[in-house]
Amino acid sequence: MKSGLQNWFVTTDQERISNDDVVTSALAIERHFNAGYNLQIQLSPRNISKIRQVNEVQANCNKLYGTAGPILSEAQLANTENLLAGDAGERLVDQLVRKVVNSSNAVFRDVVLPYEYGQQHSFFDNQIDNLIVTSTGVYCIEVKTRSLFRGTFDFKNLAPNIYDQITYHKKAVITALEGAGFSVQPNLVKNIIVIVARSGEQEFRINNQADLSGYGACVTDLGHLSMQISKGFDQCSLSTWQISRIEEIISGSRIVSRRTYPNNVRFCLTQPKLDKLIQLEQAVQWHVPLEQNVTYNSALNELSMRGLSGSQQNFFWLIVGRLFAQGQAQISVSVKDLKKAANYRSRNSVFLAKSLHELAELMTRMPLFQQVDCNSGKLTVTICNQFLPQFNQYSSAFTSWNYRLFSQIKHSYAKTLFRKFVQLAGEGTYQVSLKDLRQLLGVAESYRNHFVVKQINLAILHLAPFFGHLTYELERGRSNEIVGITFFFDKANPEELLAFEGKKTYLHNI
């Protein structure tokens, strides 16, 4: 567990990864954490903020634990950012183009055509960002998503490669058309270079683009693209039939890109890994080992621990901690592992086996679990499918605490109150009817209320080191009968109780 997230990305050394693979998998992560993630965010310089955060957490875990979990290089991160920005620019252009052209025109995005670049016996491909067929010609659109300098883009920053690029676009289209027997008119195929600003600006100055006309090309920003398409340039004349025929040829000529790039990465952060990320972040911030972090939906804090001893509660919540982020309905833990993890000291193996069998029987009667078996030195727990979200799919409704702190608490009622107080640490208060509290604590009906209060006083002593100024008030009804209780304590960040810094204070006070 200490190695953190394993296999959360795949590199080109492991498999072929296209640009689309990078973009699709990166967007899935960013949108998972930010439902409002849109094209403008995708275009911006900080378009992979969550991926960078995951990478930073993994790197910090490596330092904290002295492990070598997989982290992305700066080159891989920058490559992902650039591919996302480029994809956003192309999509913005595609959206604008489709608003401008009419139904008789043809519009393509991300067209890959076969084209030989002059090398003998080698066949390559040529990728065109956007391609439009209108009555005035065929326009190959090359989108360049770039940062501006003082509201200006200098076209020299694209030279000299841009001239080869637009030449190849033109030749690839002509080769496809002529190969299908279509007669290519002069000025049929033209190039438009669209500069999309990563700042999101639609209009800005573009310098040093004058010599493009000799290449049958023009350059524009996103704000002027619609006008450029509408008026056209170096116009020829195409009939509706010719437009349809060109569309048919281009569609039939398209191929899948076979190119891969050294820094391409495909992300594979599944839900269990995203859940585990929460614990990694907490481990880095609070220096709590992952195996000591117990995380689950706070609804489980309403489970009554009636019939469970203190050591059985330790085993139960240790199992709950192991179930988090598994993404499956069953786990199997050896009794030896349970004993070690729970710091169970007794050498009486018969008593331990009896205790675990009793725990298994009680868990079986809980609605959460489909089956719990304790056989052959293993405890196997199967969760009912409908309750899987209680152990996975982390949300703000989840509680996290340090198992070592919990297991140090010897008082049975204090263990239950500890969990509730952690859940409500940000509120600083816990109000409950005495009837519900008795049920939660598992108090037998034969015990009178004054016994409950006496046990609460003992529990307060055990919990005082963790919750500042911990007190309570009793609510009384008719005949001065206790009907409810409200606990008060200092508001705190519940995650602070993940740290084990209070161990010495706790032992000293107890």
Protein backbone atom coordinates (compact mmCIF):
# COMPACT_ATOMS: atom_id res chain seq x y z
CA MET A 1 0.00 0.00 0.00
CA LYS A 2 2.88 2.34 0.63
CA SER A 3 3.82 2.51 -3.05
CA GLY A 4 0.76 4.65 -3.75
CA LEU A 5 -1.04 4.62 -7.09
CA GLN A 6 0.17 1.86 -9.39
CA ASN A 7 -0.44 1.82 -13.15
CA TRP A 8 -2.32 5.13 -13.18
CA PHE A 9 -0.87 5.91 -16.59
CA VAL A 10 0.62 4.01 -19.52
CA THR A 11 3.53 5.31 -21.61
CA THR A 12 4.50 4.80 -25.25
CA ASP A 13 7.18 2.37 -24.07
CA GLN A 14 4.39 0.03 -23.00
CA GLU A 15 1.88 0.38 -25.84
CA ARG A 16 0.97 2.47 -28.86
CA ILE A 17 -0.73 5.66 -27.68
CA SER A 18 -2.26 8.11 -30.13
CA ASN A 19 -2.89 11.80 -29.50
CA ASP A 20 -6.60 11.01 -29.18
CA ASP A 21 -5.82 8.49 -26.44
CA VAL A 22 -3.96 11.17 -24.49
CA VAL A 23 -6.70 13.76 -24.87
CA THR A 24 -9.63 11.44 -24.14
CA SER A 25 -8.10 9.91 -21.01
CA ALA A 26 -6.84 13.27 -19.68
CA LEU A 27 -10.24 14.90 -20.16
CA ALA A 28 -11.90 12.04 -18.27
CA ILE A 29 -9.78 12.83 -15.20
CA GLU A 30 -10.22 16.60 -15.31
CA ARG A 31 -13.98 16.34 -15.86
CA HIS A 32 -14.32 13.82 -13.04
CA PHE A 33 -13.09 16.43 -10.56
CA ASN A 34 -14.52 19.49 -12.32
CA ALA A 35 -17.98 19.10 -13.83
CA GLY A 36 -17.64 22.62 -15.26
CA TYR A 37 -14.52 21.77 -17.25
CA ASN A 38 -15.13 23.30 -20.69
CA LEU A 39 -13.24 24.20 -23.86
CA GLN A 40 -12.00 27.48 -22.41
CA ILE A 41 -10.41 25.69 -19.45
CA GLN A 42 -9.05 23.04 -21.82
CA LEU A 43 -7.49 25.83 -23.86
CA SER A 44 -5.87 27.58 -20.90
CA PRO A 45 -2.27 27.14 -19.66
CA ARG A 46 -3.54 25.27 -16.55
CA ASN A 47 -5.65 22.69 -18.33
CA ILE A 48 -4.41 19.65 -16.39
CA SER A 49 -4.47 21.00 -12.85
CA LYS A 50 -5.83 17.74 -11.38
CA ILE A 51 -3.36 15.54 -13.25
CA ARG A 52 -0.52 17.71 -11.99
CA GLN A 53 -1.95 17.44 -8.47
CA VAL A 54 -2.12 13.63 -8.70
CA ASN A 55 1.46 13.55 -9.96
CA GLU A 56 2.61 15.81 -7.12
CA VAL A 57 0.88 13.63 -4.53
CA GLN A 58 2.55 10.53 -5.97
CA ALA A 59 5.95 12.24 -5.95
CA ASN A 60 5.50 13.35 -2.33
CA CYS A 61 4.45 9.82 -1.33
CA ASN A 62 7.66 8.52 -2.89
CA LYS A 63 9.63 10.92 -0.72
CA LEU A 64 7.59 10.17 2.38
CA TYR A 65 7.83 6.39 2.09
CA GLY A 66 11.06 6.04 0.12
CA THR A 67 9.21 4.26 -2.70
CA ALA A 68 9.35 4.55 -6.48
CA GLY A 69 5.71 4.92 -7.52
CA PRO A 70 5.19 6.02 -11.15
CA ILE A 71 5.33 9.77 -11.77
CA LEU A 72 5.14 11.79 -14.98
CA SER A 73 8.09 13.74 -16.29
CA GLU A 74 7.72 17.45 -16.98
CA ALA A 75 8.00 16.64 -20.70
CA GLN A 76 5.04 14.25 -20.46
CA LEU A 77 2.99 16.79 -18.52
CA ALA A 78 3.78 19.59 -20.98
CA ASN A 79 2.97 17.29 -23.91
CA THR A 80 -0.44 16.49 -22.38
CA GLU A 81 -1.14 20.19 -21.80
CA ASN A 82 -0.25 21.04 -25.40
CA LEU A 83 -2.32 18.22 -26.87
CA LEU A 84 -5.35 19.24 -24.80
CA ALA A 85 -4.95 22.88 -25.82
CA GLY A 86 -4.54 21.88 -29.47
CA ASP A 87 -7.66 19.71 -29.32
CA ALA A 88 -9.63 22.59 -27.76
CA GLY A 89 -8.48 24.95 -30.51
CA GLU A 90 -9.54 22.49 -33.20
CA ARG A 91 -12.95 21.98 -31.59
CA LEU A 92 -13.55 25.73 -31.29
CA VAL A 93 -12.70 26.13 -34.97
CA ASP A 94 -14.97 23.20 -35.88
CA GLN A 95 -17.88 24.71 -33.91
CA LEU A 96 -17.45 28.07 -35.62
CA VAL A 97 -17.10 26.55 -39.10
CA ARG A 98 -20.30 24.53 -38.76
CA LYS A 99 -22.21 27.70 -37.89
CA VAL A 100 -20.94 29.47 -41.02
CA VAL A 101 -21.29 26.87 -43.79
CA ASN A 102 -24.60 25.71 -45.24
CA SER A 103 -25.99 22.21 -45.67
CA SER A 104 -24.59 21.82 -49.20
CA ASN A 105 -21.01 22.19 -47.94
CA ALA A 106 -18.85 19.44 -46.45
CA VAL A 107 -17.06 19.82 -43.10
CA PHE A 108 -14.43 17.45 -41.69
CA ARG A 109 -12.41 17.46 -38.49
CA ASP A 110 -9.11 15.65 -37.93
CA VAL A 111 -8.64 14.28 -41.44
CA VAL A 112 -5.73 11.88 -41.90
CA LEU A 113 -4.84 11.14 -45.53
CA PRO A 114 -2.12 8.86 -46.90
CA TYR A 115 0.77 10.86 -48.30
CA GLU A 116 4.33 9.97 -49.27
CA TYR A 117 6.83 12.62 -48.23
CA GLY A 118 9.43 11.77 -50.85
CA GLN A 119 11.15 8.88 -49.03
CA GLN A 120 11.33 5.81 -51.22
CA HIS A 121 9.28 2.77 -50.23
CA SER A 122 7.83 4.61 -47.21
CA PHE A 123 4.18 5.61 -46.96
CA PHE A 124 3.26 8.19 -44.38
CA ASP A 125 0.13 10.07 -43.39
CA ASN A 126 -0.82 13.71 -43.33
CA GLN A 127 -3.13 15.08 -40.64
CA ILE A 128 -5.35 18.08 -41.39
CA ASP A 129 -7.06 19.70 -38.40
CA ASN A 130 -10.19 20.85 -40.21
CA LEU A 131 -11.20 20.59 -43.85
CA ILE A 132 -14.07 22.43 -45.58
CA VAL A 133 -15.46 21.95 -49.09
CA THR A 134 -17.51 24.90 -50.33
CA SER A 135 -18.52 26.34 -53.69
CA THR A 136 -15.32 28.45 -53.66
CA GLY A 137 -12.90 25.57 -53.10
CA VAL A 138 -11.39 23.14 -50.62
CA TYR A 139 -9.92 24.78 -47.50
CA CYS A 140 -7.40 22.92 -45.36
CA ILE A 141 -7.41 24.56 -41.93
CA GLU A 142 -4.32 24.25 -39.76
CA VAL A 143 -5.02 25.30 -36.15
CA LYS A 144 -2.17 26.62 -34.03
CA THR A 145 -2.99 27.11 -30.38
CA ARG A 146 -0.44 29.52 -28.97
CA SER A 147 0.25 32.08 -26.25
CA LEU A 148 0.31 35.76 -27.13
CA PHE A 149 2.96 38.32 -26.31
CA ARG A 150 1.49 41.72 -25.45
CA GLY A 151 -1.65 41.01 -27.44
CA THR A 152 0.31 39.98 -30.54
CA PHE A 153 1.30 36.76 -32.27
CA ASP A 154 4.41 36.78 -34.46
CA PHE A 155 3.98 34.44 -37.43
CA LYS A 156 7.75 33.99 -37.56
CA ASN A 157 7.35 31.70 -34.55
CA LEU A 158 5.80 29.10 -36.86
CA ALA A 159 8.41 29.31 -39.63
CA PRO A 160 9.90 27.48 -41.43
CA ASN A 161 8.01 24.26 -40.67
CA ILE A 162 4.60 25.79 -41.27
CA TYR A 163 5.36 26.24 -44.97
CA ASP A 164 6.14 22.56 -45.41
CA GLN A 165 3.07 21.64 -43.39
CA ILE A 166 0.57 23.59 -45.49
CA THR A 167 2.25 22.40 -48.70
CA TYR A 168 1.83 18.78 -47.61
CA HIS A 169 -1.81 19.38 -46.70
CA LYS A 170 -2.50 20.68 -50.17
CA LYS A 171 -0.63 17.87 -51.92
CA ALA A 172 -2.26 15.17 -49.80
CA VAL A 173 -5.74 16.38 -50.79
CA ILE A 174 -4.81 16.72 -54.47
CA THR A 175 -3.25 13.23 -54.45
CA ALA A 176 -6.46 11.75 -53.02
CA LEU A 177 -8.67 13.56 -55.53
CA GLU A 178 -6.54 12.76 -58.57
CA GLY A 179 -6.20 9.16 -57.44
CA ALA A 180 -10.00 8.90 -57.59
CA GLY A 181 -10.12 10.43 -61.08
CA PHE A 182 -11.35 13.87 -60.01
CA SER A 183 -10.06 16.70 -62.19
CA VAL A 184 -8.35 19.26 -59.98
CA GLN A 185 -8.87 22.87 -61.02
CA PRO A 186 -6.29 25.62 -60.39
CA ASN A 187 -6.75 27.19 -56.95
CA LEU A 188 -9.02 24.33 -55.88
CA VAL A 189 -7.14 23.53 -52.65
CA LYS A 190 -6.19 26.35 -50.30
CA ASN A 191 -4.86 26.69 -46.77
CA ILE A 192 -6.10 28.71 -43.82
CA ILE A 193 -3.95 28.96 -40.71
CA VAL A 194 -5.98 29.84 -37.61
CA ILE A 195 -4.16 31.15 -34.56
CA VAL A 196 -6.13 30.36 -31.39
CA ALA A 197 -4.95 32.25 -28.30
CA ARG A 198 -4.60 30.18 -25.12
CA SER A 199 -5.78 33.24 -23.22
CA GLY A 200 -9.14 32.85 -24.98
CA GLU A 201 -8.94 36.14 -26.90
CA GLN A 202 -10.85 35.99 -30.20
CA GLU A 203 -9.11 38.90 -31.92
CA PHE A 204 -5.49 40.10 -31.73
CA ARG A 205 -2.64 41.33 -33.92
CA ILE A 206 -0.73 38.92 -36.17
CA ASN A 207 2.62 40.10 -37.53
CA ASN A 208 4.89 38.91 -40.40
CA GLN A 209 2.45 36.77 -42.35
CA ALA A 210 2.67 38.65 -45.69
CA ASP A 211 4.56 35.97 -47.66
CA LEU A 212 1.81 33.35 -47.20
CA SER A 213 -0.05 34.39 -50.35
CA GLY A 214 2.57 32.69 -52.51
CA TYR A 215 1.58 29.39 -50.89
CA GLY A 216 -2.12 29.81 -51.56
CA ALA A 217 -2.72 30.42 -47.90
CA CYS A 218 -3.88 33.01 -45.42
CA VAL A 219 -3.68 33.39 -41.65
CA THR A 220 -6.41 34.63 -39.33
CA ASP A 221 -7.54 34.61 -35.71
CA LEU A 222 -10.69 32.91 -34.44
CA GLY A 223 -12.62 36.17 -34.45
CA HIS A 224 -12.15 36.72 -38.20
CA LEU A 225 -12.34 33.08 -39.35
CA SER A 226 -16.06 33.13 -40.22
CA MET A 227 -15.60 36.17 -42.44
CA GLN A 228 -12.60 34.55 -44.14
CA ILE A 229 -14.59 31.40 -44.89
CA SER A 230 -17.63 33.35 -46.11
CA LYS A 231 -15.75 35.52 -48.62
CA GLY A 232 -13.15 32.90 -49.59
CA PHE A 233 -9.95 33.67 -51.54
CA ASP A 234 -8.24 32.50 -54.75
CA GLN A 235 -11.70 31.29 -55.65
CA CYS A 236 -12.68 28.59 -58.06
CA SER A 237 -16.21 27.39 -58.74
CA LEU A 238 -17.64 24.10 -57.57
CA SER A 239 -21.10 22.74 -58.26
CA THR A 240 -23.20 20.93 -55.67
CA TRP A 241 -22.38 17.64 -57.41
CA GLN A 242 -18.63 18.36 -57.31
CA ILE A 243 -18.79 19.23 -53.59
CA SER A 244 -20.60 15.96 -52.94
CA ARG A 245 -18.04 14.00 -55.00
CA ILE A 246 -15.08 15.58 -53.17
CA GLU A 247 -16.73 14.79 -49.84
CA GLU A 248 -17.14 11.17 -50.95
CA ILE A 249 -13.49 10.89 -52.04
CA ILE A 250 -12.13 12.46 -48.83
CA SER A 251 -14.32 10.22 -46.69
CA GLY A 252 -13.16 7.13 -48.56
CA SER A 253 -9.48 8.15 -48.40
CA ARG A 254 -9.26 8.77 -44.66
CA ILE A 255 -6.99 6.47 -42.67
CA VAL A 256 -6.14 5.99 -39.02
CA SER A 257 -2.99 7.79 -37.93
CA ARG A 258 -0.12 5.39 -37.23
CA ARG A 259 2.11 7.94 -35.57
CA THR A 260 3.08 7.79 -31.94
CA TYR A 261 5.01 10.33 -29.90
CA PRO A 262 7.58 9.59 -27.18
CA ASN A 263 5.84 11.65 -24.48
CA ASN A 264 2.30 10.44 -25.14
CA VAL A 265 0.58 9.04 -22.04
CA ARG A 266 -2.75 7.27 -21.62
CA PHE A 267 -4.28 7.83 -18.20
CA CYS A 268 -6.12 4.99 -16.48
CA LEU A 269 -7.31 6.34 -13.13
CA THR A 270 -10.18 4.02 -12.27
CA GLN A 271 -12.66 4.84 -9.50
CA PRO A 272 -10.79 2.71 -6.92
CA LYS A 273 -7.56 4.53 -7.79
CA LEU A 274 -9.31 7.90 -7.54
CA ASP A 275 -10.57 6.84 -4.12
CA LYS A 276 -7.09 5.74 -3.10
CA LEU A 277 -5.82 9.16 -4.18
CA ILE A 278 -7.78 10.69 -1.31
CA GLN A 279 -5.81 8.60 1.18
CA LEU A 280 -2.55 9.44 -0.57
CA GLU A 281 -3.29 13.16 -0.26
CA GLN A 282 -4.08 12.68 3.42
CA ALA A 283 -0.92 10.60 3.89
CA VAL A 284 1.21 13.39 2.43
CA GLN A 285 -0.48 16.14 4.44
CA TRP A 286 -0.76 14.34 7.79
CA HIS A 287 2.05 11.79 7.50
CA VAL A 288 -0.28 8.93 8.34
CA PRO A 289 0.59 5.53 6.80
CA LEU A 290 -2.04 4.34 4.36
CA GLU A 291 -2.70 1.14 6.31
CA GLN A 292 -3.71 3.27 9.32
CA ASN A 293 -6.24 5.34 7.35
CA VAL A 294 -9.83 4.12 7.78
CA THR A 295 -12.17 5.80 5.28
CA TYR A 296 -15.85 5.06 4.68
CA ASN A 297 -19.23 6.70 4.17
CA SER A 298 -20.33 8.40 7.39
CA ALA A 299 -23.62 6.50 7.25
CA LEU A 300 -21.71 3.53 8.70
CA ASN A 301 -21.28 5.51 11.92
CA GLU A 302 -24.94 4.75 12.64
CA LEU A 303 -24.18 1.03 12.90
CA SER A 304 -24.79 -0.29 16.42
CA MET A 305 -21.81 -2.06 17.94
CA ARG A 306 -24.06 -4.06 20.29
CA GLY A 307 -22.49 -7.37 21.16
CA LEU A 308 -19.00 -6.40 20.02
CA SER A 309 -16.11 -6.18 22.46
CA GLY A 310 -13.43 -3.54 22.11
CA SER A 311 -11.07 -5.91 20.26
CA GLN A 312 -13.90 -7.05 17.97
CA GLN A 313 -14.65 -3.42 17.14
CA ASN A 314 -10.97 -3.01 16.29
CA PHE A 315 -11.17 -5.94 13.88
CA PHE A 316 -14.45 -4.72 12.38
CA TRP A 317 -13.22 -1.23 11.55
CA LEU A 318 -9.90 -2.58 10.32
CA ILE A 319 -11.89 -4.64 7.81
CA VAL A 320 -13.96 -1.56 6.86
CA GLY A 321 -10.71 0.29 6.23
CA ARG A 322 -9.49 -2.51 3.96
CA LEU A 323 -12.75 -2.48 2.00
CA PHE A 324 -12.33 1.18 1.00
CA ALA A 325 -11.36 1.77 -2.63
CA GLN A 326 -11.34 -1.93 -3.50
CA GLY A 327 -14.00 -1.43 -6.14
CA GLN A 328 -15.24 -4.98 -5.64
CA ALA A 329 -17.73 -6.85 -3.51
CA GLN A 330 -15.35 -9.19 -1.68
CA ILE A 331 -12.05 -9.19 0.19
CA SER A 332 -10.18 -11.93 1.99
CA VAL A 333 -7.80 -11.21 4.88
CA SER A 334 -5.72 -13.79 6.73
CA VAL A 335 -6.22 -14.03 10.48
CA LYS A 336 -2.47 -13.58 10.85
CA ASP A 337 -2.62 -10.30 8.94
CA LEU A 338 -5.64 -9.12 10.94
CA LYS A 339 -3.93 -9.92 14.22
CA LYS A 340 -0.78 -8.05 13.24
CA ALA A 341 -2.59 -5.02 11.80
CA ALA A 342 -4.85 -4.76 14.86
CA ASN A 343 -1.85 -5.10 17.19
CA TYR A 344 -3.65 -7.96 18.92
CA ARG A 345 -1.38 -9.05 21.79
CA SER A 346 -3.05 -12.15 23.21
CA ARG A 347 -1.40 -15.48 22.41
CA ASN A 348 -4.61 -17.39 23.09
CA SER A 349 -5.38 -18.59 19.55
CA VAL A 350 -8.54 -20.40 20.65
CA PHE A 351 -9.98 -17.22 22.12
CA LEU A 352 -9.01 -15.25 18.99
CA ALA A 353 -10.69 -17.79 16.70
CA LYS A 354 -13.86 -17.70 18.84
CA SER A 355 -13.83 -13.88 18.82
CA LEU A 356 -13.51 -13.71 15.01
CA HIS A 357 -16.25 -16.30 14.46
CA GLU A 358 -18.57 -14.27 16.68
CA LEU A 359 -17.66 -11.15 14.70
CA ALA A 360 -18.37 -12.95 11.43
CA GLU A 361 -21.80 -14.04 12.69
CA LEU A 362 -22.71 -10.52 13.79
CA MET A 363 -21.53 -8.99 10.48
CA THR A 364 -23.64 -11.56 8.60
CA ARG A 365 -26.71 -10.22 10.40
CA MET A 366 -25.88 -6.67 9.27
CA PRO A 367 -27.64 -5.57 6.03
CA LEU A 368 -24.31 -4.44 4.55
CA PHE A 369 -22.79 -7.85 4.01
CA GLN A 370 -24.00 -10.67 1.84
CA GLN A 371 -21.70 -13.21 3.46
CA VAL A 372 -18.92 -13.28 6.06
CA ASP A 373 -16.89 -16.45 6.57
CA CYS A 374 -14.06 -17.20 8.97
CA ASN A 375 -12.48 -20.48 7.87
CA SER A 376 -9.02 -21.91 7.13
CA GLY A 377 -7.26 -19.00 8.79
CA LYS A 378 -9.00 -16.38 6.63
CA LEU A 379 -11.82 -13.91 7.07
CA THR A 380 -13.73 -13.42 3.80
CA VAL A 381 -16.20 -10.55 3.54
CA THR A 382 -18.69 -10.13 0.68
CA ILE A 383 -20.49 -6.79 0.44
CA CYS A 384 -24.03 -6.55 -0.90
CA ASN A 385 -23.85 -4.74 -4.24
CA GLN A 386 -26.27 -2.00 -3.21
CA PHE A 387 -23.96 -1.03 -0.33
CA LEU A 388 -20.74 -0.83 -2.34
CA PRO A 389 -20.94 3.00 -2.45
CA GLN A 390 -20.64 3.00 1.36
CA PHE A 391 -17.10 1.69 0.93
CA ASN A 392 -16.13 3.30 -2.40
CA GLN A 393 -16.77 6.39 -4.53
CA TYR A 394 -15.38 8.93 -2.07
CA SER A 395 -17.43 12.08 -1.45
CA SER A 396 -17.80 14.80 1.16
CA ALA A 397 -20.07 12.39 3.07
CA PHE A 398 -17.09 10.18 3.93
CA THR A 399 -15.22 10.01 7.25
CA SER A 400 -11.49 9.34 7.68
CA TRP A 401 -9.60 8.64 10.89
CA ASN A 402 -6.40 7.05 12.16
CA TYR A 403 -6.76 3.41 13.10
CA ARG A 404 -3.88 3.58 15.58
CA LEU A 405 -5.68 6.31 17.49
CA PHE A 406 -8.92 4.36 17.45
CA SER A 407 -7.32 1.12 18.61
CA GLN A 408 -5.65 2.93 21.53
CA ILE A 409 -9.09 3.78 22.92
CA LYS A 410 -9.97 1.00 25.37
CA HIS A 411 -13.43 2.12 26.40
CA SER A 412 -16.09 0.53 24.15
CA TYR A 413 -18.54 3.47 24.20
CA ALA A 414 -15.69 5.91 23.61
CA LYS A 415 -14.86 4.11 20.36
CA THR A 416 -18.35 4.78 19.01
CA LEU A 417 -18.39 8.40 20.17
CA PHE A 418 -14.91 8.93 18.69
CA ARG A 419 -16.25 8.06 15.23
CA LYS A 420 -19.26 10.35 15.59
CA PHE A 421 -17.15 13.23 16.89
CA VAL A 422 -14.70 12.89 13.99
CA GLN A 423 -17.63 12.93 11.57
CA LEU A 424 -18.98 16.12 13.18
CA ALA A 425 -15.63 17.75 14.01
CA GLY A 426 -16.36 20.69 11.72
CA GLU A 427 -19.59 21.43 13.57
CA GLY A 428 -18.32 20.98 17.11
CA THR A 429 -21.54 19.51 18.39
CA TYR A 430 -23.44 16.21 18.43
CA GLN A 431 -27.07 16.20 19.52
CA VAL A 432 -28.91 12.89 19.91
CA SER A 433 -31.91 11.45 21.77
CA LEU A 434 -31.00 9.15 24.61
CA LYS A 435 -33.01 6.37 22.97
CA ASP A 436 -30.97 6.62 19.76
CA LEU A 437 -27.71 6.92 21.70
CA ARG A 438 -28.48 3.78 23.70
CA GLN A 439 -29.16 1.98 20.43
CA LEU A 440 -25.96 3.25 18.85
CA LEU A 441 -23.83 2.37 21.87
CA GLY A 442 -25.45 -1.03 22.13
CA VAL A 443 -26.66 -0.50 25.71
CA ALA A 444 -28.80 -3.39 26.98
CA GLU A 445 -32.37 -2.48 27.88
CA SER A 446 -31.83 -3.72 31.43
CA TYR A 447 -29.32 -0.96 32.17
CA ARG A 448 -30.80 2.22 33.65
CA ASN A 449 -30.07 5.69 32.33
CA HIS A 450 -27.75 6.60 35.18
CA PHE A 451 -25.50 3.72 34.06
CA VAL A 452 -25.37 5.23 30.57
CA VAL A 453 -24.40 8.63 31.98
CA LYS A 454 -21.70 7.04 34.12
CA GLN A 455 -20.25 5.31 31.04
CA ILE A 456 -20.43 8.55 29.05
CA ASN A 457 -18.38 10.25 31.77
CA LEU A 458 -15.72 7.58 31.38
CA ALA A 459 -15.85 7.91 27.59
CA ILE A 460 -15.34 11.69 27.90
CA LEU A 461 -12.10 11.06 29.83
CA HIS A 462 -10.82 8.84 27.04
CA LEU A 463 -11.78 11.31 24.29
CA ALA A 464 -10.77 14.58 25.93
CA PRO A 465 -7.21 14.50 24.50
CA PHE A 466 -8.61 14.50 20.94
CA PHE A 467 -11.51 16.96 21.19
CA GLY A 468 -10.83 20.29 22.88
CA HIS A 469 -13.13 21.44 25.70
CA LEU A 470 -15.27 18.31 25.39
CA THR A 471 -18.43 18.58 27.53
CA TYR A 472 -22.09 17.58 27.34
CA GLU A 473 -25.50 18.69 28.50
CA LEU A 474 -28.42 16.45 29.34
CA GLU A 475 -31.92 17.23 28.12
CA ARG A 476 -34.65 16.27 30.55
CA GLY A 477 -38.32 15.72 29.97
CA ARG A 478 -41.21 14.95 32.27
CA SER A 479 -40.40 13.71 35.76
CA ASN A 480 -36.86 14.92 35.18
CA GLU A 481 -36.24 11.91 32.93
CA ILE A 482 -33.25 12.15 30.60
CA VAL A 483 -34.51 12.27 26.99
CA GLY A 484 -31.48 13.56 25.09
CA ILE A 485 -27.87 14.66 25.22
CA THR A 486 -25.78 17.24 23.40
CA PHE A 487 -22.00 16.99 23.21
CA PHE A 488 -19.89 20.11 22.69
CA PHE A 489 -16.24 20.37 21.62
CA ASP A 490 -13.95 22.72 19.74
CA LYS A 491 -14.55 22.84 16.00
CA ALA A 492 -11.68 21.31 14.08
CA ASN A 493 -10.66 19.97 10.69
CA PRO A 494 -11.59 16.26 11.02
CA GLU A 495 -8.56 15.30 8.96
CA GLU A 496 -6.32 16.58 11.75
CA LEU A 497 -7.31 13.48 13.69
CA LEU A 498 -5.55 11.38 11.08
CA ALA A 499 -2.23 12.46 12.58
CA PHE A 500 -0.90 10.38 15.44
CA GLU A 501 0.81 13.28 17.15
CA GLY A 502 -1.64 13.06 20.06
CA LYS A 503 -0.54 9.58 21.13
CA LYS A 504 1.71 10.75 23.98
CA THR A 505 -0.86 13.28 25.13
CA TYR A 506 -3.52 10.60 25.06
CA LEU A 507 -1.52 8.09 27.08
CA HIS A 508 -0.48 10.76 29.55
CA ASN A 509 -4.04 11.92 30.16
CA ILE A 510 -5.46 8.42 30.47
